[in-house]
PDB file of all heavy atoms in Angstrom:
ATOM      1  N   PRO A   1      -1.630  19.258   7.563  1.00  0.00           N
ATOM      2  CA  PRO A   1      -1.330  17.916   8.058  1.00  0.00           C
ATOM      3  C   PRO A   1      -0.429  17.964   9.287  1.00  0.00           C
ATOM      4  O   PRO A   1       0.524  18.736   9.345  1.00  0.00           O
ATOM      5  CB  PRO A   1      -0.608  17.257   6.873  1.00  0.00           C
ATOM      6  CG  PRO A   1      -1.068  18.028   5.682  1.00  0.00           C
ATOM      7  CD  PRO A   1      -1.258  19.438   6.155  1.00  0.00           C
ATOM      8  N   GLY A   2      -0.759  17.159  10.275  1.00  0.00           N
ATOM      9  CA  GLY A   2       0.025  17.158  11.507  1.00  0.00           C
ATOM     10  C   GLY A   2      -0.565  18.072  12.562  1.00  0.00           C
ATOM     11  O   GLY A   2      -0.171  18.031  13.708  1.00  0.00           O
ATOM     12  N   GLY A   3      -1.537  18.892  12.146  1.00  0.00           N
ATOM     13  CA  GLY A   3      -2.168  19.784  13.102  1.00  0.00           C
ATOM     14  C   GLY A   3      -3.025  19.042  14.110  1.00  0.00           C
ATOM     15  O   GLY A   3      -3.465  19.605  15.101  1.00  0.00           O
ATOM     16  N   ASP A   4      -3.301  17.776  13.826  1.00  0.00           N
ATOM     17  CA  ASP A   4      -4.106  16.966  14.742  1.00  0.00           C
ATOM     18  C   ASP A   4      -3.238  16.203  15.723  1.00  0.00           C
ATOM     19  O   ASP A   4      -3.706  15.345  16.460  1.00  0.00           O
ATOM     20  CB  ASP A   4      -4.973  15.985  13.949  1.00  0.00           C
ATOM     21  CG  ASP A   4      -4.148  15.108  13.021  1.00  0.00           C
ATOM     22  OD1 ASP A   4      -2.910  15.210  13.053  1.00  0.00           O
ATOM     23  OD2 ASP A   4      -4.747  14.320  12.283  1.00  0.00           O
ATOM     24  N   GLY A   5      -1.935  16.478  15.710  1.00  0.00           N
ATOM     25  CA  GLY A   5      -1.030  15.830  16.646  1.00  0.00           C
ATOM     26  C   GLY A   5      -0.337  14.608  16.096  1.00  0.00           C
ATOM     27  O   GLY A   5       0.571  14.073  16.704  1.00  0.00           O
ATOM     28  N   ARG A   6      -0.764  14.132  14.915  1.00  0.00           N
ATOM     29  CA  ARG A   6      -0.124  12.962  14.311  1.00  0.00           C
ATOM     30  C   ARG A   6       1.032  13.418  13.428  1.00  0.00           C
ATOM     31  O   ARG A   6       0.941  14.411  12.731  1.00  0.00           O
ATOM     32  CB  ARG A   6      -1.140  12.169  13.485  1.00  0.00           C
ATOM     33  CG  ARG A   6      -2.209  11.500  14.318  1.00  0.00           C
ATOM     34  CD  ARG A   6      -3.184  10.738  13.440  1.00  0.00           C
ATOM     35  NE  ARG A   6      -3.978  11.641  12.623  1.00  0.00           N
ATOM     36  CZ  ARG A   6      -4.842  11.235  11.701  1.00  0.00           C
ATOM     37  NH1 ARG A   6      -4.991   9.935  11.475  1.00  0.00           N
ATOM     38  NH2 ARG A   6      -5.548  12.103  11.014  1.00  0.00           N
ATOM     39  N   SER A   7       2.117  12.685  13.475  1.00  0.00           N
ATOM     40  CA  SER A   7       3.300  13.073  12.713  1.00  0.00           C
ATOM     41  C   SER A   7       3.053  12.901  11.222  1.00  0.00           C
ATOM     42  O   SER A   7       2.304  12.035  10.788  1.00  0.00           O
ATOM     43  CB  SER A   7       4.501  12.229  13.143  1.00  0.00           C
ATOM     44  OG  SER A   7       4.258  10.861  12.887  1.00  0.00           O
ATOM     45  N   PHE A   8       3.676  13.753  10.437  1.00  0.00           N
ATOM     46  CA  PHE A   8       3.557  13.690   8.987  1.00  0.00           C
ATOM     47  C   PHE A   8       4.768  14.363   8.370  1.00  0.00           C
ATOM     48  O   PHE A   8       5.233  15.386   8.837  1.00  0.00           O
ATOM     49  CB  PHE A   8       2.291  14.399   8.502  1.00  0.00           C
ATOM     50  CG  PHE A   8       2.254  14.528   6.999  1.00  0.00           C
ATOM     51  CD1 PHE A   8       1.836  13.475   6.226  1.00  0.00           C
ATOM     52  CD2 PHE A   8       2.677  15.693   6.379  1.00  0.00           C
ATOM     53  CE1 PHE A   8       1.828  13.571   4.847  1.00  0.00           C
ATOM     54  CE2 PHE A   8       2.671  15.806   5.005  1.00  0.00           C
ATOM     55  CZ  PHE A   8       2.243  14.738   4.239  1.00  0.00           C
ATOM     56  N   ASP A   9       5.283  13.761   7.301  1.00  0.00           N
ATOM     57  CA  ASP A   9       6.302  14.444   6.526  1.00  0.00           C
ATOM     58  C   ASP A   9       6.179  13.995   5.081  1.00  0.00           C
ATOM     59  O   ASP A   9       5.759  12.881   4.779  1.00  0.00           O
ATOM     60  CB  ASP A   9       7.706  14.196   7.079  1.00  0.00           C
ATOM     61  CG  ASP A   9       8.139  12.752   6.949  1.00  0.00           C
ATOM     62  OD1 ASP A   9       8.630  12.376   5.879  1.00  0.00           O
ATOM     63  OD2 ASP A   9       7.967  12.002   7.940  1.00  0.00           O
ATOM     64  N   VAL A  10       6.538  14.913   4.182  1.00  0.00           N
ATOM     65  CA  VAL A  10       6.375  14.679   2.754  1.00  0.00           C
ATOM     66  C   VAL A  10       7.239  13.516   2.286  1.00  0.00           C
ATOM     67  O   VAL A  10       6.832  12.732   1.420  1.00  0.00           O
ATOM     68  CB  VAL A  10       6.709  15.960   1.970  1.00  0.00           C
ATOM     69  CG1 VAL A  10       6.660  15.697   0.469  1.00  0.00           C
ATOM     70  CG2 VAL A  10       5.735  17.077   2.332  1.00  0.00           C
ATOM     71  N   GLU A  11       8.437  13.374   2.847  1.00  0.00           N
ATOM     72  CA  GLU A  11       9.322  12.289   2.432  1.00  0.00           C
ATOM     73  C   GLU A  11       8.694  10.921   2.694  1.00  0.00           C
ATOM     74  O   GLU A  11       8.821  10.005   1.879  1.00  0.00           O
ATOM     75  CB  GLU A  11      10.670  12.397   3.153  1.00  0.00           C
ATOM     76  CG  GLU A  11      11.537  13.544   2.652  1.00  0.00           C
ATOM     77  CD  GLU A  11      12.913  13.540   3.287  1.00  0.00           C
ATOM     78  OE1 GLU A  11      13.202  12.611   4.069  1.00  0.00           O
ATOM     79  OE2 GLU A  11      13.690  14.455   2.990  1.00  0.00           O
ATOM     80  N   SER A  12       8.006  10.776   3.808  1.00  0.00           N
ATOM     81  CA  SER A  12       7.340   9.506   4.111  1.00  0.00           C
ATOM     82  C   SER A  12       6.249   9.213   3.095  1.00  0.00           C
ATOM     83  O   SER A  12       6.089   8.077   2.640  1.00  0.00           O
ATOM     84  CB  SER A  12       6.736   9.545   5.517  1.00  0.00           C
ATOM     85  OG  SER A  12       7.743   9.646   6.493  1.00  0.00           O
ATOM     86  N   LEU A  13       5.506  10.237   2.722  1.00  0.00           N
ATOM     87  CA  LEU A  13       4.459  10.073   1.724  1.00  0.00           C
ATOM     88  C   LEU A  13       5.051   9.620   0.399  1.00  0.00           C
ATOM     89  O   LEU A  13       4.577   8.645  -0.209  1.00  0.00           O
ATOM     90  CB  LEU A  13       3.693  11.383   1.543  1.00  0.00           C
ATOM     91  CG  LEU A  13       2.685  11.410   0.385  1.00  0.00           C
ATOM     92  CD1 LEU A  13       1.581  10.380   0.605  1.00  0.00           C
ATOM     93  CD2 LEU A  13       2.092  12.816   0.233  1.00  0.00           C
ATOM     94  N   GLU A  14       6.083  10.307  -0.059  1.00  0.00           N
ATOM     95  CA  GLU A  14       6.675   9.970  -1.351  1.00  0.00           C
ATOM     96  C   GLU A  14       7.302   8.583  -1.336  1.00  0.00           C
ATOM     97  O   GLU A  14       7.267   7.864  -2.341  1.00  0.00           O
ATOM     98  CB  GLU A  14       7.718  11.024  -1.745  1.00  0.00           C
ATOM     99  CG  GLU A  14       7.124  12.392  -2.059  1.00  0.00           C
ATOM    100  CD  GLU A  14       6.143  12.359  -3.222  1.00  0.00           C
ATOM    101  OE1 GLU A  14       6.296  11.501  -4.121  1.00  0.00           O
ATOM    102  OE2 GLU A  14       5.222  13.188  -3.229  1.00  0.00           O
ATOM    103  N   ASP A  15       7.867   8.202  -0.210  1.00  0.00           N
ATOM    104  CA  ASP A  15       8.453   6.857  -0.087  1.00  0.00           C
ATOM    105  C   ASP A  15       7.380   5.793  -0.255  1.00  0.00           C
ATOM    106  O   ASP A  15       7.558   4.814  -0.994  1.00  0.00           O
ATOM    107  CB  ASP A  15       9.136   6.730   1.273  1.00  0.00           C
ATOM    108  CG  ASP A  15       9.776   5.360   1.458  1.00  0.00           C
ATOM    109  OD1 ASP A  15      10.727   5.048   0.728  1.00  0.00           O
ATOM    110  OD2 ASP A  15       9.305   4.608   2.328  1.00  0.00           O
ATOM    111  N   VAL A  16       6.257   5.982   0.414  1.00  0.00           N
ATOM    112  CA  VAL A  16       5.161   5.015   0.324  1.00  0.00           C
ATOM    113  C   VAL A  16       4.579   4.978  -1.085  1.00  0.00           C
ATOM    114  O   VAL A  16       4.305   3.899  -1.626  1.00  0.00           O
ATOM    115  CB  VAL A  16       4.066   5.355   1.358  1.00  0.00           C
ATOM    116  CG1 VAL A  16       2.804   4.546   1.090  1.00  0.00           C
ATOM    117  CG2 VAL A  16       4.563   5.086   2.771  1.00  0.00           C
ATOM    118  N   LEU A  17       4.413   6.147  -1.697  1.00  0.00           N
ATOM    119  CA  LEU A  17       3.846   6.196  -3.041  1.00  0.00           C
ATOM    120  C   LEU A  17       4.762   5.513  -4.054  1.00  0.00           C
ATOM    121  O   LEU A  17       4.286   4.828  -4.973  1.00  0.00           O
ATOM    122  CB  LEU A  17       3.583   7.642  -3.463  1.00  0.00           C
ATOM    123  CG  LEU A  17       2.485   8.379  -2.690  1.00  0.00           C
ATOM    124  CD1 LEU A  17       2.358   9.818  -3.192  1.00  0.00           C
ATOM    125  CD2 LEU A  17       1.137   7.657  -2.825  1.00  0.00           C
ATOM    126  N   SER A  18       6.054   5.692  -3.904  1.00  0.00           N
ATOM    127  CA  SER A  18       7.004   5.052  -4.820  1.00  0.00           C
ATOM    128  C   SER A  18       6.954   3.536  -4.686  1.00  0.00           C
ATOM    129  O   SER A  18       6.929   2.802  -5.689  1.00  0.00           O
ATOM    130  CB  SER A  18       8.427   5.546  -4.548  1.00  0.00           C
ATOM    131  OG  SER A  18       8.550   6.926  -4.831  1.00  0.00           O
ATOM    132  N   LEU A  19       6.955   3.053  -3.449  1.00  0.00           N
ATOM    133  CA  LEU A  19       6.899   1.607  -3.222  1.00  0.00           C
ATOM    134  C   LEU A  19       5.583   1.039  -3.748  1.00  0.00           C
ATOM    135  O   LEU A  19       5.559  -0.020  -4.390  1.00  0.00           O
ATOM    136  CB  LEU A  19       7.048   1.309  -1.732  1.00  0.00           C
ATOM    137  CG  LEU A  19       7.018  -0.173  -1.335  1.00  0.00           C
ATOM    138  CD1 LEU A  19       8.119  -0.952  -2.046  1.00  0.00           C
ATOM    139  CD2 LEU A  19       7.129  -0.321   0.177  1.00  0.00           C
ATOM    140  N   ARG A  20       4.500   1.736  -3.501  1.00  0.00           N
ATOM    141  CA  ARG A  20       3.202   1.270  -3.976  1.00  0.00           C
ATOM    142  C   ARG A  20       3.177   1.163  -5.498  1.00  0.00           C
ATOM    143  O   ARG A  20       2.662   0.191  -6.063  1.00  0.00           O
ATOM    144  CB  ARG A  20       2.100   2.214  -3.501  1.00  0.00           C
ATOM    145  CG  ARG A  20       0.715   1.713  -3.880  1.00  0.00           C
ATOM    146  CD  ARG A  20      -0.370   2.735  -3.668  1.00  0.00           C
ATOM    147  NE  ARG A  20      -1.674   2.086  -3.804  1.00  0.00           N
ATOM    148  CZ  ARG A  20      -2.820   2.733  -3.988  1.00  0.00           C
ATOM    149  NH1 ARG A  20      -2.815   4.057  -4.058  1.00  0.00           N
ATOM    150  NH2 ARG A  20      -3.946   2.091  -4.128  1.00  0.00           N
ATOM    151  N   TYR A  21       3.732   2.162  -6.163  1.00  0.00           N
ATOM    152  CA  TYR A  21       3.726   2.168  -7.621  1.00  0.00           C
ATOM    153  C   TYR A  21       4.451   0.938  -8.170  1.00  0.00           C
ATOM    154  O   TYR A  21       3.943   0.246  -9.063  1.00  0.00           O
ATOM    155  CB  TYR A  21       4.381   3.446  -8.138  1.00  0.00           C
ATOM    156  CG  TYR A  21       4.284   3.609  -9.639  1.00  0.00           C
ATOM    157  CD1 TYR A  21       3.206   4.276 -10.209  1.00  0.00           C
ATOM    158  CD2 TYR A  21       5.261   3.096 -10.483  1.00  0.00           C
ATOM    159  CE1 TYR A  21       3.104   4.421 -11.584  1.00  0.00           C
ATOM    160  CE2 TYR A  21       5.168   3.223 -11.856  1.00  0.00           C
ATOM    161  CZ  TYR A  21       4.092   3.899 -12.400  1.00  0.00           C
ATOM    162  OH  TYR A  21       3.999   4.024 -13.767  1.00  0.00           O
ATOM    163  N   VAL A  22       5.617   0.679  -7.637  1.00  0.00           N
ATOM    164  CA  VAL A  22       6.406  -0.462  -8.117  1.00  0.00           C
ATOM    165  C   VAL A  22       5.678  -1.773  -7.849  1.00  0.00           C
ATOM    166  O   VAL A  22       5.562  -2.639  -8.738  1.00  0.00           O
ATOM    167  CB  VAL A  22       7.795  -0.470  -7.459  1.00  0.00           C
ATOM    168  CG1 VAL A  22       8.538  -1.757  -7.772  1.00  0.00           C
ATOM    169  CG2 VAL A  22       8.617   0.730  -7.932  1.00  0.00           C
ATOM    170  N   LEU A  23       5.170  -1.950  -6.634  1.00  0.00           N
ATOM    171  CA  LEU A  23       4.533  -3.212  -6.268  1.00  0.00           C
ATOM    172  C   LEU A  23       3.230  -3.454  -7.025  1.00  0.00           C
ATOM    173  O   LEU A  23       2.990  -4.553  -7.547  1.00  0.00           O
ATOM    174  CB  LEU A  23       4.261  -3.241  -4.769  1.00  0.00           C
ATOM    175  CG  LEU A  23       5.468  -3.346  -3.844  1.00  0.00           C
ATOM    176  CD1 LEU A  23       5.026  -3.241  -2.385  1.00  0.00           C
ATOM    177  CD2 LEU A  23       6.219  -4.662  -4.072  1.00  0.00           C
ATOM    178  N   GLU A  24       2.375  -2.433  -7.095  1.00  0.00           N
ATOM    179  CA  GLU A  24       1.042  -2.674  -7.638  1.00  0.00           C
ATOM    180  C   GLU A  24       0.999  -2.670  -9.164  1.00  0.00           C
ATOM    181  O   GLU A  24       0.177  -3.377  -9.753  1.00  0.00           O
ATOM    182  CB  GLU A  24       0.044  -1.678  -7.048  1.00  0.00           C
ATOM    183  CG  GLU A  24      -0.158  -1.864  -5.555  1.00  0.00           C
ATOM    184  CD  GLU A  24      -1.553  -1.500  -5.098  1.00  0.00           C
ATOM    185  OE1 GLU A  24      -2.532  -1.944  -5.720  1.00  0.00           O
ATOM    186  OE2 GLU A  24      -1.646  -0.742  -4.110  1.00  0.00           O
ATOM    187  N   THR A  25       1.846  -1.894  -9.819  1.00  0.00           N
ATOM    188  CA  THR A  25       1.902  -2.018 -11.279  1.00  0.00           C
ATOM    189  C   THR A  25       2.482  -3.381 -11.662  1.00  0.00           C
ATOM    190  O   THR A  25       2.020  -4.018 -12.613  1.00  0.00           O
ATOM    191  CB  THR A  25       2.731  -0.894 -11.922  1.00  0.00           C
ATOM    192  OG1 THR A  25       4.050  -0.873 -11.343  1.00  0.00           O
ATOM    193  CG2 THR A  25       2.068   0.465 -11.747  1.00  0.00           C
ATOM    194  N   GLY A  26       3.465  -3.822 -10.891  1.00  0.00           N
ATOM    195  CA  GLY A  26       4.023  -5.153 -11.130  1.00  0.00           C
ATOM    196  C   GLY A  26       3.003  -6.244 -10.882  1.00  0.00           C
ATOM    197  O   GLY A  26       2.922  -7.224 -11.640  1.00  0.00           O
ATOM    198  N   ALA A  27       2.198  -6.083  -9.845  1.00  0.00           N
ATOM    199  CA  ALA A  27       1.163  -7.073  -9.541  1.00  0.00           C
ATOM    200  C   ALA A  27       0.130  -7.149 -10.661  1.00  0.00           C
ATOM    201  O   ALA A  27      -0.295  -8.240 -11.058  1.00  0.00           O
ATOM    202  CB  ALA A  27       0.484  -6.741  -8.217  1.00  0.00           C
ATOM    203  N   ALA A  28      -0.274  -6.003 -11.188  1.00  0.00           N
ATOM    204  CA  ALA A  28      -1.253  -5.980 -12.278  1.00  0.00           C
ATOM    205  C   ALA A  28      -0.695  -6.699 -13.508  1.00  0.00           C
ATOM    206  O   ALA A  28      -1.390  -7.480 -14.166  1.00  0.00           O
ATOM    207  CB  ALA A  28      -1.630  -4.546 -12.623  1.00  0.00           C
ATOM    208  N   GLU A  29       0.570  -6.450 -13.799  1.00  0.00           N
ATOM    209  CA  GLU A  29       1.213  -7.083 -14.953  1.00  0.00           C
ATOM    210  C   GLU A  29       1.283  -8.598 -14.780  1.00  0.00           C
ATOM    211  O   GLU A  29       0.955  -9.364 -15.705  1.00  0.00           O
ATOM    212  CB  GLU A  29       2.608  -6.497 -15.132  1.00  0.00           C
ATOM    213  CG  GLU A  29       3.379  -7.073 -16.297  1.00  0.00           C
ATOM    214  CD  GLU A  29       4.745  -6.433 -16.459  1.00  0.00           C
ATOM    215  OE1 GLU A  29       4.903  -5.251 -16.083  1.00  0.00           O
ATOM    216  OE2 GLU A  29       5.651  -7.122 -16.965  1.00  0.00           O
ATOM    217  N   LEU A  30       1.720  -9.046 -13.609  1.00  0.00           N
ATOM    218  CA  LEU A  30       1.849 -10.483 -13.364  1.00  0.00           C
ATOM    219  C   LEU A  30       0.489 -11.184 -13.357  1.00  0.00           C
ATOM    220  O   LEU A  30       0.362 -12.310 -13.852  1.00  0.00           O
ATOM    221  CB  LEU A  30       2.562 -10.721 -12.034  1.00  0.00           C
ATOM    222  CG  LEU A  30       4.061 -10.413 -12.004  1.00  0.00           C
ATOM    223  CD1 LEU A  30       4.606 -10.562 -10.589  1.00  0.00           C
ATOM    224  CD2 LEU A  30       4.811 -11.337 -12.958  1.00  0.00           C
ATOM    225  N   ALA A  31      -0.521 -10.519 -12.798  1.00  0.00           N
ATOM    226  CA  ALA A  31      -1.855 -11.113 -12.764  1.00  0.00           C
ATOM    227  C   ALA A  31      -2.389 -11.314 -14.183  1.00  0.00           C
ATOM    228  O   ALA A  31      -3.003 -12.344 -14.487  1.00  0.00           O
ATOM    229  CB  ALA A  31      -2.806 -10.239 -11.955  1.00  0.00           C
ATOM    230  N   ALA A  32      -2.155 -10.333 -15.041  1.00  0.00           N
ATOM    231  CA  ALA A  32      -2.617 -10.446 -16.427  1.00  0.00           C
ATOM    232  C   ALA A  32      -1.844 -11.525 -17.178  1.00  0.00           C
ATOM    233  O   ALA A  32      -2.396 -12.220 -18.023  1.00  0.00           O
ATOM    234  CB  ALA A  32      -2.460  -9.094 -17.131  1.00  0.00           C
ATOM    235  N   LYS A  33      -0.589 -11.675 -16.857  1.00  0.00           N
ATOM    236  CA  LYS A  33       0.270 -12.638 -17.553  1.00  0.00           C
ATOM    237  C   LYS A  33      -0.053 -14.071 -17.142  1.00  0.00           C
ATOM    238  O   LYS A  33       0.168 -15.019 -17.911  1.00  0.00           O
ATOM    239  CB  LYS A  33       1.731 -12.312 -17.250  1.00  0.00           C
ATOM    240  CG  LYS A  33       2.737 -13.166 -17.988  1.00  0.00           C
ATOM    241  CD  LYS A  33       4.159 -12.812 -17.556  1.00  0.00           C
ATOM    242  CE  LYS A  33       4.520 -11.378 -17.904  1.00  0.00           C
ATOM    243  NZ  LYS A  33       5.933 -11.058 -17.559  1.00  0.00           N
ATOM    244  N   ARG A  34      -0.577 -14.244 -15.949  1.00  0.00           N
ATOM    245  CA  ARG A  34      -0.663 -15.582 -15.362  1.00  0.00           C
ATOM    246  C   ARG A  34      -1.727 -16.474 -16.011  1.00  0.00           C
ATOM    247  O   ARG A  34      -1.536 -17.673 -16.163  1.00  0.00           O
ATOM    248  CB  ARG A  34      -0.938 -15.440 -13.864  1.00  0.00           C
ATOM    249  CG  ARG A  34      -1.044 -16.759 -13.126  1.00  0.00           C
ATOM    250  CD  ARG A  34      -0.950 -16.545 -11.631  1.00  0.00           C
ATOM    251  NE  ARG A  34      -1.334 -17.753 -10.918  1.00  0.00           N
ATOM    252  CZ  ARG A  34      -2.385 -17.855 -10.134  1.00  0.00           C
ATOM    253  NH1 ARG A  34      -3.167 -16.804  -9.943  1.00  0.00           N
ATOM    254  NH2 ARG A  34      -2.669 -18.982  -9.537  1.00  0.00           N
TER     255      ARG A  34
END
C-alpha cells in the first residue's frame, strides 16, 4: 500500500474502522428498535 503514490498508514485505517463500527452497529440497533 502506498506504492502507487497515494498516502496510507495503518493508524488511519484503524481510526476509520473503529468509527465505522460504532456508527453502523448503533444504526442497525436503532433501525430495528424504531
